[in-house]
Amino acid sequence: MSTTSLTWGRKVFGVFNLLFLLIVSLLCLMPIVHILALSFSSGNAAAAGQVGLWPVDFTTAAYDNVFGKPEYLRAFWVSIKRVVVGTSISMVLMILTAYPLSKEVHQFRFRTVYAWLFVFTILFSGGLIPTYLTIKSLGLIDTLGALVLPTAIPVFNVILLLNFYRSLPKELEESSRMDGAGHFITLWKIYVPLSLPALATTGLFTIVGHWNSWFDGMLYMNHTENYPLQTFLQTVIINMDFRFIKAENVELMLELSDRTSRAAQIFVAAFPILIVYPFLQRFFIKGIVMGSVKE
């Protein structure tokens, strides 16, 4: 009797849990669907508030406007370079930092001291003005280095990665040492291939962090042509976009509004991240769980 009741209770819980997660998923998707519908709607329909989850008076004028803007495409390219270069540098430095910090104290002396030095940077930063003066003194203003080097070692990701390394069997390293392999061979031949879930997770965090960052672009870039995409959206999209439209293109001006143009730019900016997530999703939960087992 109790087993039947327990089974029935689990089924009821499973149904309610599924419904709850479905509702939450729909609530998360609805803003994105609305933005997409708005970007494909006419300017008059958007201005009148007639657009819900489906385009009204379907048109691609907003996207014609977006991809016809050299300023937008240039900012998009700056963000692509930032993500590729910044993620590559961060992943290499995170691996090289997490591996020694994952060792025991008898293997790496003062390991705890170094670990707390990294944790200290999470709790306290150097401050905005000293950081800016450092970037300026290094000659990185208006360069890609100003966007990728200050955040080259995200400490939170390092902690996830080193905890993942500590969860791996110690016998793997011992056997490789018996075969004559050094630390670098052990790291790149054993630890890195086995840590793909953690690397995918930290890599996703790094990609999203670089792609969504906008304040550092505004802070370190003196010329708008060096703005990454999110900085461009933050500073330019708040203004009327009609100044980017040629005066002779009257039909495009009639079909556009500031809302549809902004919606198209926002969706294009979010699209690369929406594409990346499905490929890394299967590693995401495993990397988070296994990277949070130990301290």
C-alpha atoms as a PDB file:
ATOM      1  CA  MET A   1       0.000   0.000   0.000  1.00  0.00           C
ATOM      2  CA  SER A   2       2.736   2.437   0.940  1.00  0.00           C
ATOM      3  CA  THR A   3       4.722   1.515  -2.165  1.00  0.00           C
ATOM      4  CA  THR A   4       1.700   2.211  -4.367  1.00  0.00           C
ATOM      5  CA  SER A   5       1.062   5.542  -2.646  1.00  0.00           C
ATOM      6  CA  LEU A   6       4.713   6.474  -2.973  1.00  0.00           C
ATOM      7  CA  THR A   7       4.702   5.606  -6.657  1.00  0.00           C
ATOM      8  CA  TRP A   8       1.497   7.579  -7.213  1.00  0.00           C
ATOM      9  CA  GLY A   9       2.956  10.517  -5.309  1.00  0.00           C
ATOM     10  CA  ARG A  10       6.077  10.457  -7.421  1.00  0.00           C
ATOM     11  CA  LYS A  11       3.987  10.425 -10.588  1.00  0.00           C
ATOM     12  CA  VAL A  12       1.964  13.432  -9.401  1.00  0.00           C
ATOM     13  CA  PHE A  13       5.151  15.252  -8.448  1.00  0.00           C
ATOM     14  CA  GLY A  14       6.659  14.425 -11.829  1.00  0.00           C
ATOM     15  CA  VAL A  15       3.639  15.832 -13.658  1.00  0.00           C
ATOM     16  CA  PHE A  16       3.590  19.054 -11.639  1.00  0.00           C
ATOM     17  CA  ASN A  17       7.358  19.388 -11.941  1.00  0.00           C
ATOM     18  CA  LEU A  18       7.113  18.972 -15.724  1.00  0.00           C
ATOM     19  CA  LEU A  19       4.321  21.552 -15.956  1.00  0.00           C
ATOM     20  CA  PHE A  20       6.247  23.998 -13.795  1.00  0.00           C
ATOM     21  CA  LEU A  21       9.419  23.681 -15.859  1.00  0.00           C
ATOM     22  CA  LEU A  22       7.376  23.993 -19.062  1.00  0.00           C
ATOM     23  CA  ILE A  23       5.797  27.231 -17.828  1.00  0.00           C
ATOM     24  CA  VAL A  24       9.186  28.625 -16.783  1.00  0.00           C
ATOM     25  CA  SER A  25      10.652  27.690 -20.176  1.00  0.00           C
ATOM     26  CA  LEU A  26       7.817  29.422 -22.005  1.00  0.00           C
ATOM     27  CA  LEU A  27       8.243  32.533 -19.860  1.00  0.00           C
ATOM     28  CA  CYS A  28      11.927  32.572 -20.775  1.00  0.00           C
ATOM     29  CA  LEU A  29      11.246  32.075 -24.482  1.00  0.00           C
ATOM     30  CA  MET A  30       8.386  34.544 -24.857  1.00  0.00           C
ATOM     31  CA  PRO A  31      10.547  37.723 -24.723  1.00  0.00           C
ATOM     32  CA  ILE A  32      12.875  36.297 -27.388  1.00  0.00           C
ATOM     33  CA  VAL A  33       9.929  35.291 -29.594  1.00  0.00           C
ATOM     34  CA  HIS A  34       8.397  38.739 -29.122  1.00  0.00           C
ATOM     35  CA  ILE A  35      11.637  40.453 -30.141  1.00  0.00           C
ATOM     36  CA  LEU A  36      11.862  38.203 -33.206  1.00  0.00           C
ATOM     37  CA  ALA A  37       8.236  38.929 -34.169  1.00  0.00           C
ATOM     38  CA  LEU A  38       8.801  42.637 -33.639  1.00  0.00           C
ATOM     39  CA  SER A  39      11.861  42.634 -35.888  1.00  0.00           C
ATOM     40  CA  PHE A  40       9.838  41.114 -38.765  1.00  0.00           C
ATOM     41  CA  SER A  41       6.856  43.474 -38.343  1.00  0.00           C
ATOM     42  CA  SER A  42       6.154  46.773 -40.026  1.00  0.00           C
ATOM     43  CA  GLY A  43       6.956  50.021 -38.305  1.00  0.00           C
ATOM     44  CA  ASN A  44       3.296  51.053 -38.071  1.00  0.00           C
ATOM     45  CA  ALA A  45       2.262  47.784 -36.398  1.00  0.00           C
ATOM     46  CA  ALA A  46       5.125  48.015 -33.914  1.00  0.00           C
ATOM     47  CA  ALA A  47       4.355  51.645 -33.085  1.00  0.00           C
ATOM     48  CA  ALA A  48       0.678  50.797 -32.554  1.00  0.00           C
ATOM     49  CA  GLY A  49       1.555  47.957 -30.156  1.00  0.00           C
ATOM     50  CA  GLN A  50      -0.121  45.319 -32.315  1.00  0.00           C
ATOM     51  CA  VAL A  51       2.782  42.849 -32.300  1.00  0.00           C
ATOM     52  CA  GLY A  52       2.632  39.936 -29.896  1.00  0.00           C
ATOM     53  CA  LEU A  53       4.274  36.592 -30.603  1.00  0.00           C
ATOM     54  CA  TRP A  54       3.675  36.684 -34.360  1.00  0.00           C
ATOM     55  CA  PRO A  55       4.823  39.272 -36.936  1.00  0.00           C
ATOM     56  CA  VAL A  56       2.262  41.766 -38.204  1.00  0.00           C
ATOM     57  CA  ASP A  57       2.641  42.973 -41.810  1.00  0.00           C
ATOM     58  CA  PHE A  58       5.690  40.772 -42.340  1.00  0.00           C
ATOM     59  CA  THR A  59       8.769  42.594 -43.662  1.00  0.00           C
ATOM     60  CA  THR A  60      12.545  42.184 -43.581  1.00  0.00           C
ATOM     61  CA  ALA A  61      13.213  45.924 -43.735  1.00  0.00           C
ATOM     62  CA  ALA A  62      14.725  45.972 -40.243  1.00  0.00           C
ATOM     63  CA  TYR A  63      17.290  43.329 -41.180  1.00  0.00           C
ATOM     64  CA  ASP A  64      18.019  45.064 -44.460  1.00  0.00           C
ATOM     65  CA  ASN A  65      18.771  48.141 -42.401  1.00  0.00           C
ATOM     66  CA  VAL A  66      20.932  46.252 -39.877  1.00  0.00           C
ATOM     67  CA  PHE A  67      23.100  44.449 -42.416  1.00  0.00           C
ATOM     68  CA  GLY A  68      23.371  47.615 -44.460  1.00  0.00           C
ATOM     69  CA  LYS A  69      25.022  49.468 -41.571  1.00  0.00           C
ATOM     70  CA  PRO A  70      28.824  49.426 -41.740  1.00  0.00           C
ATOM     71  CA  GLU A  71      28.930  50.614 -38.116  1.00  0.00           C
ATOM     72  CA  TYR A  72      26.926  47.641 -36.887  1.00  0.00           C
ATOM     73  CA  LEU A  73      28.899  45.105 -38.944  1.00  0.00           C
ATOM     74  CA  ARG A  74      32.191  46.591 -37.758  1.00  0.00           C
ATOM     75  CA  ALA A  75      31.097  46.338 -34.119  1.00  0.00           C
ATOM     76  CA  PHE A  76      29.938  42.769 -34.750  1.00  0.00           C
ATOM     77  CA  TRP A  77      33.366  41.872 -36.146  1.00  0.00           C
ATOM     78  CA  VAL A  78      35.119  43.449 -33.127  1.00  0.00           C
ATOM     79  CA  SER A  79      33.007  41.260 -30.823  1.00  0.00           C
ATOM     80  CA  ILE A  80      33.814  38.150 -32.873  1.00  0.00           C
ATOM     81  CA  LYS A  81      37.540  38.869 -32.590  1.00  0.00           C
ATOM     82  CA  ARG A  82      37.158  39.583 -28.893  1.00  0.00           C
ATOM     83  CA  VAL A  83      35.382  36.293 -28.227  1.00  0.00           C
ATOM     84  CA  VAL A  84      37.843  34.202 -30.249  1.00  0.00           C
ATOM     85  CA  VAL A  85      41.023  35.810 -28.902  1.00  0.00           C
ATOM     86  CA  GLY A  86      39.752  36.344 -25.358  1.00  0.00           C
ATOM     87  CA  THR A  87      38.359  32.828 -24.966  1.00  0.00           C
ATOM     88  CA  SER A  88      41.523  31.235 -26.380  1.00  0.00           C
ATOM     89  CA  ILE A  89      43.766  33.172 -23.997  1.00  0.00           C
ATOM     90  CA  SER A  90      41.503  32.564 -21.006  1.00  0.00           C
ATOM     91  CA  MET A  91      41.197  28.821 -21.603  1.00  0.00           C
ATOM     92  CA  VAL A  92      44.956  28.321 -21.866  1.00  0.00           C
ATOM     93  CA  LEU A  93      45.647  30.424 -18.756  1.00  0.00           C
ATOM     94  CA  MET A  94      42.834  28.755 -16.789  1.00  0.00           C
ATOM     95  CA  ILE A  95      44.201  25.290 -17.562  1.00  0.00           C
ATOM     96  CA  LEU A  96      47.752  26.285 -16.628  1.00  0.00           C
ATOM     97  CA  THR A  97      46.529  27.916 -13.405  1.00  0.00           C
ATOM     98  CA  ALA A  98      44.045  25.286 -12.278  1.00  0.00           C
ATOM     99  CA  TYR A  99      46.390  22.319 -12.720  1.00  0.00           C
ATOM    100  CA  PRO A 100      49.041  23.284 -10.118  1.00  0.00           C
ATOM    101  CA  LEU A 101      46.393  24.634  -7.723  1.00  0.00           C
ATOM    102  CA  SER A 102      44.647  21.260  -7.825  1.00  0.00           C
ATOM    103  CA  LYS A 103      47.665  19.521  -6.295  1.00  0.00           C
ATOM    104  CA  GLU A 104      48.063  18.650  -2.622  1.00  0.00           C
ATOM    105  CA  VAL A 105      50.267  20.761  -0.376  1.00  0.00           C
ATOM    106  CA  HIS A 106      53.040  18.142  -0.289  1.00  0.00           C
ATOM    107  CA  GLN A 107      53.133  18.268  -4.111  1.00  0.00           C
ATOM    108  CA  PHE A 108      52.920  22.037  -4.492  1.00  0.00           C
ATOM    109  CA  ARG A 109      54.224  24.018  -1.564  1.00  0.00           C
ATOM    110  CA  PHE A 110      52.263  27.153  -0.655  1.00  0.00           C
ATOM    111  CA  ARG A 111      49.421  25.913  -2.835  1.00  0.00           C
ATOM    112  CA  THR A 112      46.865  27.174  -0.278  1.00  0.00           C
ATOM    113  CA  VAL A 113      48.465  30.620  -0.157  1.00  0.00           C
ATOM    114  CA  TYR A 114      48.295  30.985  -3.931  1.00  0.00           C
ATOM    115  CA  ALA A 115      44.713  29.738  -3.975  1.00  0.00           C
ATOM    116  CA  TRP A 116      43.642  32.344  -1.416  1.00  0.00           C
ATOM    117  CA  LEU A 117      45.413  35.055  -3.388  1.00  0.00           C
ATOM    118  CA  PHE A 118      43.191  34.197  -6.334  1.00  0.00           C
ATOM    119  CA  VAL A 119      40.079  34.078  -4.136  1.00  0.00           C
ATOM    120  CA  PHE A 120      41.007  37.500  -2.733  1.00  0.00           C
ATOM    121  CA  THR A 121      40.619  39.003  -6.209  1.00  0.00           C
ATOM    122  CA  ILE A 122      36.993  37.849  -6.265  1.00  0.00           C
ATOM    123  CA  LEU A 123      36.223  39.642  -3.002  1.00  0.00           C
ATOM    124  CA  PHE A 124      38.252  42.814  -3.627  1.00  0.00           C
ATOM    125  CA  SER A 125      39.202  44.505  -6.881  1.00  0.00           C
ATOM    126  CA  GLY A 126      41.837  47.105  -7.596  1.00  0.00           C
ATOM    127  CA  GLY A 127      39.210  49.707  -8.422  1.00  0.00           C
ATOM    128  CA  LEU A 128      38.036  51.315 -11.624  1.00  0.00           C
ATOM    129  CA  ILE A 129      40.511  54.210 -11.738  1.00  0.00           C
ATOM    130  CA  PRO A 130      43.675  52.157 -10.983  1.00  0.00           C
ATOM    131  CA  THR A 131      42.569  49.601 -13.582  1.00  0.00           C
ATOM    132  CA  TYR A 132      42.066  52.308 -16.196  1.00  0.00           C
ATOM    133  CA  LEU A 133      45.447  53.901 -15.390  1.00  0.00           C
ATOM    134  CA  THR A 134      47.125  50.514 -15.707  1.00  0.00           C
ATOM    135  CA  ILE A 135      45.531  49.865 -19.089  1.00  0.00           C
ATOM    136  CA  LYS A 136      46.498  53.349 -20.248  1.00  0.00           C
ATOM    137  CA  SER A 137      50.096  53.054 -19.034  1.00  0.00           C
ATOM    138  CA  LEU A 138      50.453  49.784 -20.956  1.00  0.00           C
ATOM    139  CA  GLY A 139      49.315  51.491 -24.159  1.00  0.00           C
ATOM    140  CA  LEU A 140      46.243  49.291 -24.539  1.00  0.00           C
ATOM    141  CA  ILE A 141      43.650  52.046 -24.982  1.00  0.00           C
ATOM    142  CA  ASP A 142      41.721  51.581 -28.251  1.00  0.00           C
ATOM    143  CA  THR A 143      43.160  48.081 -28.724  1.00  0.00           C
ATOM    144  CA  LEU A 144      41.749  44.588 -28.511  1.00  0.00           C
ATOM    145  CA  GLY A 145      44.072  43.869 -25.595  1.00  0.00           C
ATOM    146  CA  ALA A 146      42.125  46.242 -23.372  1.00  0.00           C
ATOM    147  CA  LEU A 147      39.047  44.044 -23.848  1.00  0.00           C
ATOM    148  CA  VAL A 148      40.626  40.617 -23.282  1.00  0.00           C
ATOM    149  CA  LEU A 149      43.633  40.990 -20.955  1.00  0.00           C
ATOM    150  CA  PRO A 150      41.987  42.446 -17.792  1.00  0.00           C
ATOM    151  CA  THR A 151      39.660  39.426 -17.604  1.00  0.00           C
ATOM    152  CA  ALA A 152      42.106  36.863 -18.985  1.00  0.00           C
ATOM    153  CA  ILE A 153      41.937  34.696 -15.839  1.00  0.00           C
ATOM    154  CA  PRO A 154      38.345  34.479 -14.507  1.00  0.00           C
ATOM    155  CA  VAL A 155      38.957  33.143 -11.004  1.00  0.00           C
ATOM    156  CA  PHE A 156      35.491  31.589 -10.608  1.00  0.00           C
ATOM    157  CA  ASN A 157      36.128  29.450 -13.681  1.00  0.00           C
ATOM    158  CA  VAL A 158      39.571  28.526 -12.359  1.00  0.00           C
ATOM    159  CA  ILE A 159      37.969  27.266  -9.138  1.00  0.00           C
ATOM    160  CA  LEU A 160      35.508  25.125 -11.084  1.00  0.00           C
ATOM    161  CA  LEU A 161      38.305  23.686 -13.190  1.00  0.00           C
ATOM    162  CA  LEU A 162      40.688  22.940 -10.331  1.00  0.00           C
ATOM    163  CA  ASN A 163      37.914  21.207  -8.382  1.00  0.00           C
ATOM    164  CA  PHE A 164      37.230  19.101 -11.460  1.00  0.00           C
ATOM    165  CA  TYR A 165      40.921  18.168 -11.642  1.00  0.00           C
ATOM    166  CA  ARG A 166      40.891  17.194  -7.971  1.00  0.00           C
ATOM    167  CA  SER A 167      37.958  14.872  -8.590  1.00  0.00           C
ATOM    168  CA  LEU A 168      39.943  12.831 -11.131  1.00  0.00           C
ATOM    169  CA  PRO A 169      41.554   9.604  -9.882  1.00  0.00           C
ATOM    170  CA  LYS A 170      45.072  10.165  -8.582  1.00  0.00           C
ATOM    171  CA  GLU A 171      46.113   6.827 -10.069  1.00  0.00           C
ATOM    172  CA  LEU A 172      46.037   8.359 -13.544  1.00  0.00           C
ATOM    173  CA  GLU A 173      48.788  10.798 -12.692  1.00  0.00           C
ATOM    174  CA  GLU A 174      50.766   8.185 -10.802  1.00  0.00           C
ATOM    175  CA  SER A 175      50.705   5.789 -13.742  1.00  0.00           C
ATOM    176  CA  SER A 176      51.781   8.526 -16.154  1.00  0.00           C
ATOM    177  CA  ARG A 177      54.646   9.492 -13.872  1.00  0.00           C
ATOM    178  CA  MET A 178      55.750   5.856 -13.736  1.00  0.00           C
ATOM    179  CA  ASP A 179      55.857   5.873 -17.536  1.00  0.00           C
ATOM    180  CA  GLY A 180      58.178   8.878 -17.422  1.00  0.00           C
ATOM    181  CA  ALA A 181      55.677  11.607 -18.313  1.00  0.00           C
ATOM    182  CA  GLY A 182      56.217  15.048 -16.826  1.00  0.00           C
ATOM    183  CA  HIS A 183      53.618  17.520 -15.639  1.00  0.00           C
ATOM    184  CA  PHE A 184      53.018  19.067 -19.062  1.00  0.00           C
ATOM    185  CA  ILE A 185      52.519  15.692 -20.743  1.00  0.00           C
ATOM    186  CA  THR A 186      50.224  14.590 -17.916  1.00  0.00           C
ATOM    187  CA  LEU A 187      48.230  17.807 -18.170  1.00  0.00           C
ATOM    188  CA  TRP A 188      47.731  17.889 -21.952  1.00  0.00           C
ATOM    189  CA  LYS A 189      47.480  14.152 -22.583  1.00  0.00           C
ATOM    190  CA  ILE A 190      45.400  13.048 -19.584  1.00  0.00           C
ATOM    191  CA  TYR A 191      43.829  15.898 -17.651  1.00  0.00           C
ATOM    192  CA  VAL A 192      42.674  18.060 -20.553  1.00  0.00           C
ATOM    193  CA  PRO A 193      40.955  15.250 -22.541  1.00  0.00           C
ATOM    194  CA  LEU A 194      39.197  14.021 -19.391  1.00  0.00           C
ATOM    195  CA  SER A 195      38.069  17.506 -18.403  1.00  0.00           C
ATOM    196  CA  LEU A 196      36.041  18.297 -21.528  1.00  0.00           C
ATOM    197  CA  PRO A 197      32.797  18.824 -19.525  1.00  0.00           C
ATOM    198  CA  ALA A 198      34.497  21.330 -17.222  1.00  0.00           C
ATOM    199  CA  LEU A 199      36.289  23.011 -20.134  1.00  0.00           C
ATOM    200  CA  ALA A 200      33.029  23.287 -22.080  1.00  0.00           C
ATOM    201  CA  THR A 201      31.327  24.835 -19.041  1.00  0.00           C
ATOM    202  CA  THR A 202      34.066  27.353 -18.287  1.00  0.00           C
ATOM    203  CA  GLY A 203      34.434  28.061 -21.994  1.00  0.00           C
ATOM    204  CA  LEU A 204      30.740  28.829 -22.253  1.00  0.00           C
ATOM    205  CA  PHE A 205      30.963  31.174 -19.271  1.00  0.00           C
ATOM    206  CA  THR A 206      33.928  32.922 -20.885  1.00  0.00           C
ATOM    207  CA  ILE A 207      32.252  33.249 -24.286  1.00  0.00           C
ATOM    208  CA  VAL A 208      29.073  34.683 -22.793  1.00  0.00           C
ATOM    209  CA  GLY A 209      31.068  37.030 -20.567  1.00  0.00           C
ATOM    210  CA  HIS A 210      33.032  38.461 -23.490  1.00  0.00           C
ATOM    211  CA  TRP A 211      30.017  38.659 -25.785  1.00  0.00           C
ATOM    212  CA  ASN A 212      27.753  40.439 -23.289  1.00  0.00           C
ATOM    213  CA  SER A 213      30.338  42.824 -21.874  1.00  0.00           C
ATOM    214  CA  TRP A 214      29.776  46.452 -22.843  1.00  0.00           C
ATOM    215  CA  PHE A 215      31.156  48.709 -20.099  1.00  0.00           C
ATOM    216  CA  ASP A 216      34.832  48.014 -20.749  1.00  0.00           C
ATOM    217  CA  GLY A 217      34.360  48.921 -24.407  1.00  0.00           C
ATOM    218  CA  MET A 218      32.909  52.263 -23.400  1.00  0.00           C
ATOM    219  CA  LEU A 219      35.692  52.770 -20.855  1.00  0.00           C
ATOM    220  CA  TYR A 220      38.757  51.799 -22.886  1.00  0.00           C
ATOM    221  CA  MET A 221      37.724  52.760 -26.416  1.00  0.00           C
ATOM    222  CA  ASN A 222      38.011  56.417 -27.408  1.00  0.00           C
ATOM    223  CA  HIS A 223      36.775  55.893 -30.962  1.00  0.00           C
ATOM    224  CA  THR A 224      33.401  54.371 -31.805  1.00  0.00           C
ATOM    225  CA  GLU A 225      34.848  52.276 -34.627  1.00  0.00           C
ATOM    226  CA  ASN A 226      36.600  50.183 -31.952  1.00  0.00           C
ATOM    227  CA  TYR A 227      33.407  49.523 -30.003  1.00  0.00           C
ATOM    228  CA  PRO A 228      32.387  45.878 -29.537  1.00  0.00           C
ATOM    229  CA  LEU A 229      28.810  45.046 -30.433  1.00  0.00           C
ATOM    230  CA  GLN A 230      27.273  45.356 -26.966  1.00  0.00           C
ATOM    231  CA  THR A 231      28.879  48.755 -26.425  1.00  0.00           C
ATOM    232  CA  PHE A 232      27.586  49.846 -29.815  1.00  0.00           C
ATOM    233  CA  LEU A 233      24.085  48.711 -28.877  1.00  0.00           C
ATOM    234  CA  GLN A 234      24.287  50.453 -25.514  1.00  0.00           C
ATOM    235  CA  THR A 235      25.414  53.798 -26.925  1.00  0.00           C
ATOM    236  CA  VAL A 236      23.922  53.929 -30.421  1.00  0.00           C
ATOM    237  CA  ILE A 237      20.721  51.926 -30.324  1.00  0.00           C
ATOM    238  CA  ILE A 238      19.187  54.288 -27.768  1.00  0.00           C
ATOM    239  CA  ASN A 239      19.188  56.977 -30.459  1.00  0.00           C
ATOM    240  CA  MET A 240      16.909  57.049 -33.463  1.00  0.00           C
ATOM    241  CA  ASP A 241      18.317  54.801 -36.150  1.00  0.00           C
ATOM    242  CA  PHE A 242      16.958  56.853 -39.054  1.00  0.00           C
ATOM    243  CA  ARG A 243      20.211  58.791 -39.268  1.00  0.00           C
ATOM    244  CA  PHE A 244      21.848  55.653 -40.682  1.00  0.00           C
ATOM    245  CA  ILE A 245      19.297  55.372 -43.493  1.00  0.00           C
ATOM    246  CA  LYS A 246      19.995  57.027 -46.789  1.00  0.00           C
ATOM    247  CA  ALA A 247      17.538  59.773 -47.572  1.00  0.00           C
ATOM    248  CA  GLU A 248      16.756  58.422 -51.011  1.00  0.00           C
ATOM    249  CA  ASN A 249      15.567  55.075 -49.620  1.00  0.00           C
ATOM    250  CA  VAL A 250      12.063  56.315 -48.848  1.00  0.00           C
ATOM    251  CA  GLU A 251      10.389  52.893 -48.922  1.00  0.00           C
ATOM    252  CA  LEU A 252      12.731  51.517 -46.266  1.00  0.00           C
ATOM    253  CA  MET A 253      12.119  54.544 -44.060  1.00  0.00           C
ATOM    254  CA  LEU A 254       8.363  54.028 -44.306  1.00  0.00           C
ATOM    255  CA  GLU A 255       8.577  50.361 -43.337  1.00  0.00           C
ATOM    256  CA  LEU A 256      10.972  50.933 -40.426  1.00  0.00           C
ATOM    257  CA  SER A 257      10.543  52.273 -36.925  1.00  0.00           C
ATOM    258  CA  ASP A 258      13.010  52.628 -34.098  1.00  0.00           C
ATOM    259  CA  ARG A 259      11.392  49.640 -32.319  1.00  0.00           C
ATOM    260  CA  THR A 260      11.684  47.222 -35.245  1.00  0.00           C
ATOM    261  CA  SER A 261      15.239  48.287 -36.003  1.00  0.00           C
ATOM    262  CA  ARG A 262      16.282  47.890 -32.377  1.00  0.00           C
ATOM    263  CA  ALA A 263      14.581  44.502 -32.183  1.00  0.00           C
ATOM    264  CA  ALA A 264      16.472  43.289 -35.247  1.00  0.00           C
ATOM    265  CA  GLN A 265      19.801  44.464 -33.857  1.00  0.00           C
ATOM    266  CA  ILE A 266      19.141  42.862 -30.467  1.00  0.00           C
ATOM    267  CA  PHE A 267      18.160  39.530 -32.018  1.00  0.00           C
ATOM    268  CA  VAL A 268      21.172  39.458 -34.339  1.00  0.00           C
ATOM    269  CA  ALA A 269      23.398  40.216 -31.329  1.00  0.00           C
ATOM    270  CA  ALA A 270      21.862  37.376 -29.300  1.00  0.00           C
ATOM    271  CA  PHE A 271      21.769  34.841 -32.132  1.00  0.00           C
ATOM    272  CA  PRO A 272      25.410  33.593 -31.910  1.00  0.00           C
ATOM    273  CA  ILE A 273      25.014  32.729 -28.215  1.00  0.00           C
ATOM    274  CA  LEU A 274      21.707  30.987 -28.924  1.00  0.00           C
ATOM    275  CA  ILE A 275      23.550  28.845 -31.467  1.00  0.00           C
ATOM    276  CA  VAL A 276      26.442  27.978 -29.123  1.00  0.00           C
ATOM    277  CA  TYR A 277      24.314  26.830 -26.169  1.00  0.00           C
ATOM    278  CA  PRO A 278      22.834  23.630 -27.699  1.00  0.00           C
ATOM    279  CA  PHE A 279      26.269  22.273 -28.616  1.00  0.00           C
ATOM    280  CA  LEU A 280      27.635  22.750 -25.078  1.00  0.00           C
ATOM    281  CA  GLN A 281      24.484  21.922 -23.142  1.00  0.00           C
ATOM    282  CA  ARG A 282      25.303  18.230 -22.694  1.00  0.00           C
ATOM    283  CA  PHE A 283      28.558  19.161 -20.946  1.00  0.00           C
ATOM    284  CA  PHE A 284      27.132  22.022 -18.920  1.00  0.00           C
ATOM    285  CA  ILE A 285      25.426  20.292 -15.959  1.00  0.00           C
ATOM    286  CA  LYS A 286      28.106  17.618 -15.642  1.00  0.00           C
ATOM    287  CA  GLY A 287      30.848  20.236 -15.599  1.00  0.00           C
ATOM    288  CA  ILE A 288      29.088  22.328 -12.956  1.00  0.00           C
ATOM    289  CA  VAL A 289      28.349  19.366 -10.658  1.00  0.00           C
ATOM    290  CA  MET A 290      31.764  17.729 -10.916  1.00  0.00           C
ATOM    291  CA  GLY A 291      33.501  21.092 -10.567  1.00  0.00           C
ATOM    292  CA  SER A 292      31.798  21.873  -7.275  1.00  0.00           C
ATOM    293  CA  VAL A 293      32.476  18.662  -5.342  1.00  0.00           C
ATOM    294  CA  LYS A 294      35.641  19.702  -3.542  1.00  0.00           C
ATOM    295  CA  GLU A 295      37.097  22.941  -2.254  1.00  0.00           C
END
